[in-house]
């Protein structure tokens, strides 16, 4: 899986576990596709501070996933749902997984 997509998925699950500043910097870098230099100017911090924070956040996200496995479980459930023939059951399960 693409690194950007992977971390965006993890961020969608675990962002509430991050500080507001970590959320903002991560979002600017991974979701808005701004460079570290652009984020540094925008947030009035050094480029190295941006790089450090992005590294710290990705490590936190990796650790949360290692422990909680929300992304892994989501993808396993998605594969199972694709194999189900009954459309009503499939729709109900898809609703549950998307929550």
C-alpha atoms as a PDB file:
ATOM      1  CA  UNK A   1       0.000   0.000   0.000  1.00  0.00           C
ATOM      2  CA  UNK A   2       1.109   3.543  -0.757  1.00  0.00           C
ATOM      3  CA  UNK A   3       2.723   5.226   2.278  1.00  0.00           C
ATOM      4  CA  UNK A   4       0.558   8.359   2.020  1.00  0.00           C
ATOM      5  CA  UNK A   5      -2.677   6.349   1.776  1.00  0.00           C
ATOM      6  CA  UNK A   6      -1.592   4.110   4.633  1.00  0.00           C
ATOM      7  CA  UNK A   7      -0.851   6.986   7.002  1.00  0.00           C
ATOM      8  CA  UNK A   8      -4.009   8.822   5.981  1.00  0.00           C
ATOM      9  CA  UNK A   9      -5.995   5.703   6.907  1.00  0.00           C
ATOM     10  CA  UNK A  10      -4.242   5.410  10.259  1.00  0.00           C
ATOM     11  CA  UNK A  11      -4.771   9.131  10.854  1.00  0.00           C
ATOM     12  CA  UNK A  12      -8.504   8.745  10.259  1.00  0.00           C
ATOM     13  CA  UNK A  13      -8.639   6.113  13.020  1.00  0.00           C
ATOM     14  CA  UNK A  14      -6.268   7.581  15.574  1.00  0.00           C
ATOM     15  CA  UNK A  15      -6.124  11.365  15.085  1.00  0.00           C
ATOM     16  CA  UNK A  16      -8.019  12.030  18.308  1.00  0.00           C
ATOM     17  CA  UNK A  17      -5.101  10.463  20.174  1.00  0.00           C
ATOM     18  CA  UNK A  18      -2.741  13.148  18.817  1.00  0.00           C
ATOM     19  CA  UNK A  19      -2.285  16.716  20.014  1.00  0.00           C
ATOM     20  CA  UNK A  20      -3.974  19.499  18.045  1.00  0.00           C
ATOM     21  CA  UNK A  21      -0.589  20.674  16.719  1.00  0.00           C
ATOM     22  CA  UNK A  22       0.350  17.137  15.637  1.00  0.00           C
ATOM     23  CA  UNK A  23      -3.007  16.823  13.863  1.00  0.00           C
ATOM     24  CA  UNK A  24      -2.520  20.134  12.046  1.00  0.00           C
ATOM     25  CA  UNK A  25       1.039  19.431  10.872  1.00  0.00           C
ATOM     26  CA  UNK A  26       0.222  15.870   9.828  1.00  0.00           C
ATOM     27  CA  UNK A  27      -2.852  17.022   7.930  1.00  0.00           C
ATOM     28  CA  UNK A  28      -0.937  19.759   6.117  1.00  0.00           C
ATOM     29  CA  UNK A  29       1.797  17.316   5.095  1.00  0.00           C
ATOM     30  CA  UNK A  30      -0.155  14.151   4.267  1.00  0.00           C
ATOM     31  CA  UNK A  31      -3.613  15.453   3.353  1.00  0.00           C
ATOM     32  CA  UNK A  32      -2.873  18.902   1.919  1.00  0.00           C
ATOM     33  CA  UNK A  33       0.446  17.773   0.381  1.00  0.00           C
ATOM     34  CA  UNK A  34       2.380  20.822   1.592  1.00  0.00           C
ATOM     35  CA  UNK A  35       6.161  20.595   1.806  1.00  0.00           C
ATOM     36  CA  UNK A  36       7.970  20.753   5.140  1.00  0.00           C
ATOM     37  CA  UNK A  37       9.242  24.202   4.187  1.00  0.00           C
ATOM     38  CA  UNK A  38       5.730  25.439   3.438  1.00  0.00           C
ATOM     39  CA  UNK A  39       4.441  24.074   6.735  1.00  0.00           C
ATOM     40  CA  UNK A  40       7.362  25.653   8.609  1.00  0.00           C
ATOM     41  CA  UNK A  41       6.509  29.061   7.142  1.00  0.00           C
ATOM     42  CA  UNK A  42       2.802  28.621   7.809  1.00  0.00           C
ATOM     43  CA  UNK A  43       3.263  27.494  11.416  1.00  0.00           C
ATOM     44  CA  UNK A  44       6.261  29.741  12.124  1.00  0.00           C
ATOM     45  CA  UNK A  45       8.477  26.836  13.189  1.00  0.00           C
ATOM     46  CA  UNK A  46      11.698  25.432  11.756  1.00  0.00           C
ATOM     47  CA  UNK A  47      11.711  22.940   8.902  1.00  0.00           C
ATOM     48  CA  UNK A  48      13.519  20.466  11.146  1.00  0.00           C
ATOM     49  CA  UNK A  49      10.769  20.828  13.772  1.00  0.00           C
ATOM     50  CA  UNK A  50       8.218  19.962  11.090  1.00  0.00           C
ATOM     51  CA  UNK A  51      10.252  16.917  10.035  1.00  0.00           C
ATOM     52  CA  UNK A  52      10.642  15.805  13.633  1.00  0.00           C
ATOM     53  CA  UNK A  53       6.915  16.165  14.289  1.00  0.00           C
ATOM     54  CA  UNK A  54       5.946  14.231  11.148  1.00  0.00           C
ATOM     55  CA  UNK A  55       8.349  11.442  12.115  1.00  0.00           C
ATOM     56  CA  UNK A  56       6.994  11.431  15.673  1.00  0.00           C
ATOM     57  CA  UNK A  57       3.379  11.306  14.487  1.00  0.00           C
ATOM     58  CA  UNK A  58       3.981   8.477  12.014  1.00  0.00           C
ATOM     59  CA  UNK A  59       5.730   6.513  14.769  1.00  0.00           C
ATOM     60  CA  UNK A  60       2.751   7.112  17.072  1.00  0.00           C
ATOM     61  CA  UNK A  61       0.312   6.022  14.355  1.00  0.00           C
ATOM     62  CA  UNK A  62       2.360   2.879  13.692  1.00  0.00           C
ATOM     63  CA  UNK A  63       2.372   2.107  17.408  1.00  0.00           C
ATOM     64  CA  UNK A  64      -1.384   2.664  17.788  1.00  0.00           C
ATOM     65  CA  UNK A  65      -2.015   0.344  14.850  1.00  0.00           C
ATOM     66  CA  UNK A  66       0.371  -2.264  16.235  1.00  0.00           C
ATOM     67  CA  UNK A  67      -1.643  -2.322  19.468  1.00  0.00           C
ATOM     68  CA  UNK A  68      -5.222  -1.646  18.320  1.00  0.00           C
ATOM     69  CA  UNK A  69      -5.138  -3.047  14.752  1.00  0.00           C
ATOM     70  CA  UNK A  70      -8.159  -1.015  13.575  1.00  0.00           C
ATOM     71  CA  UNK A  71      -6.849  -0.662  10.024  1.00  0.00           C
ATOM     72  CA  UNK A  72      -5.878  -4.316   9.777  1.00  0.00           C
ATOM     73  CA  UNK A  73      -9.288  -5.451  11.030  1.00  0.00           C
ATOM     74  CA  UNK A  74     -11.066  -3.045   8.666  1.00  0.00           C
ATOM     75  CA  UNK A  75      -9.290  -4.512   5.625  1.00  0.00           C
ATOM     76  CA  UNK A  76      -9.923  -8.099   6.739  1.00  0.00           C
ATOM     77  CA  UNK A  77     -13.625  -7.359   7.182  1.00  0.00           C
ATOM     78  CA  UNK A  78     -13.760  -5.665   3.791  1.00  0.00           C
ATOM     79  CA  UNK A  79     -12.402  -8.829   2.139  1.00  0.00           C
ATOM     80  CA  UNK A  80     -15.012 -10.946   3.909  1.00  0.00           C
ATOM     81  CA  UNK A  81     -17.847  -8.622   2.868  1.00  0.00           C
ATOM     82  CA  UNK A  82     -16.775  -8.888  -0.774  1.00  0.00           C
ATOM     83  CA  UNK A  83     -17.294 -12.654  -0.595  1.00  0.00           C
ATOM     84  CA  UNK A  84     -20.875 -12.434   0.699  1.00  0.00           C
ATOM     85  CA  UNK A  85     -23.615 -13.078  -1.847  1.00  0.00           C
ATOM     86  CA  UNK A  86     -26.581 -11.853   0.198  1.00  0.00           C
ATOM     87  CA  UNK A  87     -26.897  -8.136  -0.610  1.00  0.00           C
ATOM     88  CA  UNK A  88     -28.889  -7.260   2.512  1.00  0.00           C
ATOM     89  CA  UNK A  89     -26.275  -8.801   4.807  1.00  0.00           C
ATOM     90  CA  UNK A  90     -23.521  -7.200   2.724  1.00  0.00           C
ATOM     91  CA  UNK A  91     -25.073  -3.735   3.076  1.00  0.00           C
ATOM     92  CA  UNK A  92     -25.529  -4.110   6.832  1.00  0.00           C
ATOM     93  CA  UNK A  93     -21.931  -5.251   7.314  1.00  0.00           C
ATOM     94  CA  UNK A  94     -20.618  -2.412   5.146  1.00  0.00           C
ATOM     95  CA  UNK A  95     -22.469   0.075   7.350  1.00  0.00           C
ATOM     96  CA  UNK A  96     -20.867  -1.414  10.454  1.00  0.00           C
ATOM     97  CA  UNK A  97     -17.350  -1.353   9.017  1.00  0.00           C
ATOM     98  CA  UNK A  98     -17.668   2.256   7.885  1.00  0.00           C
ATOM     99  CA  UNK A  99     -18.592   3.460  11.380  1.00  0.00           C
END
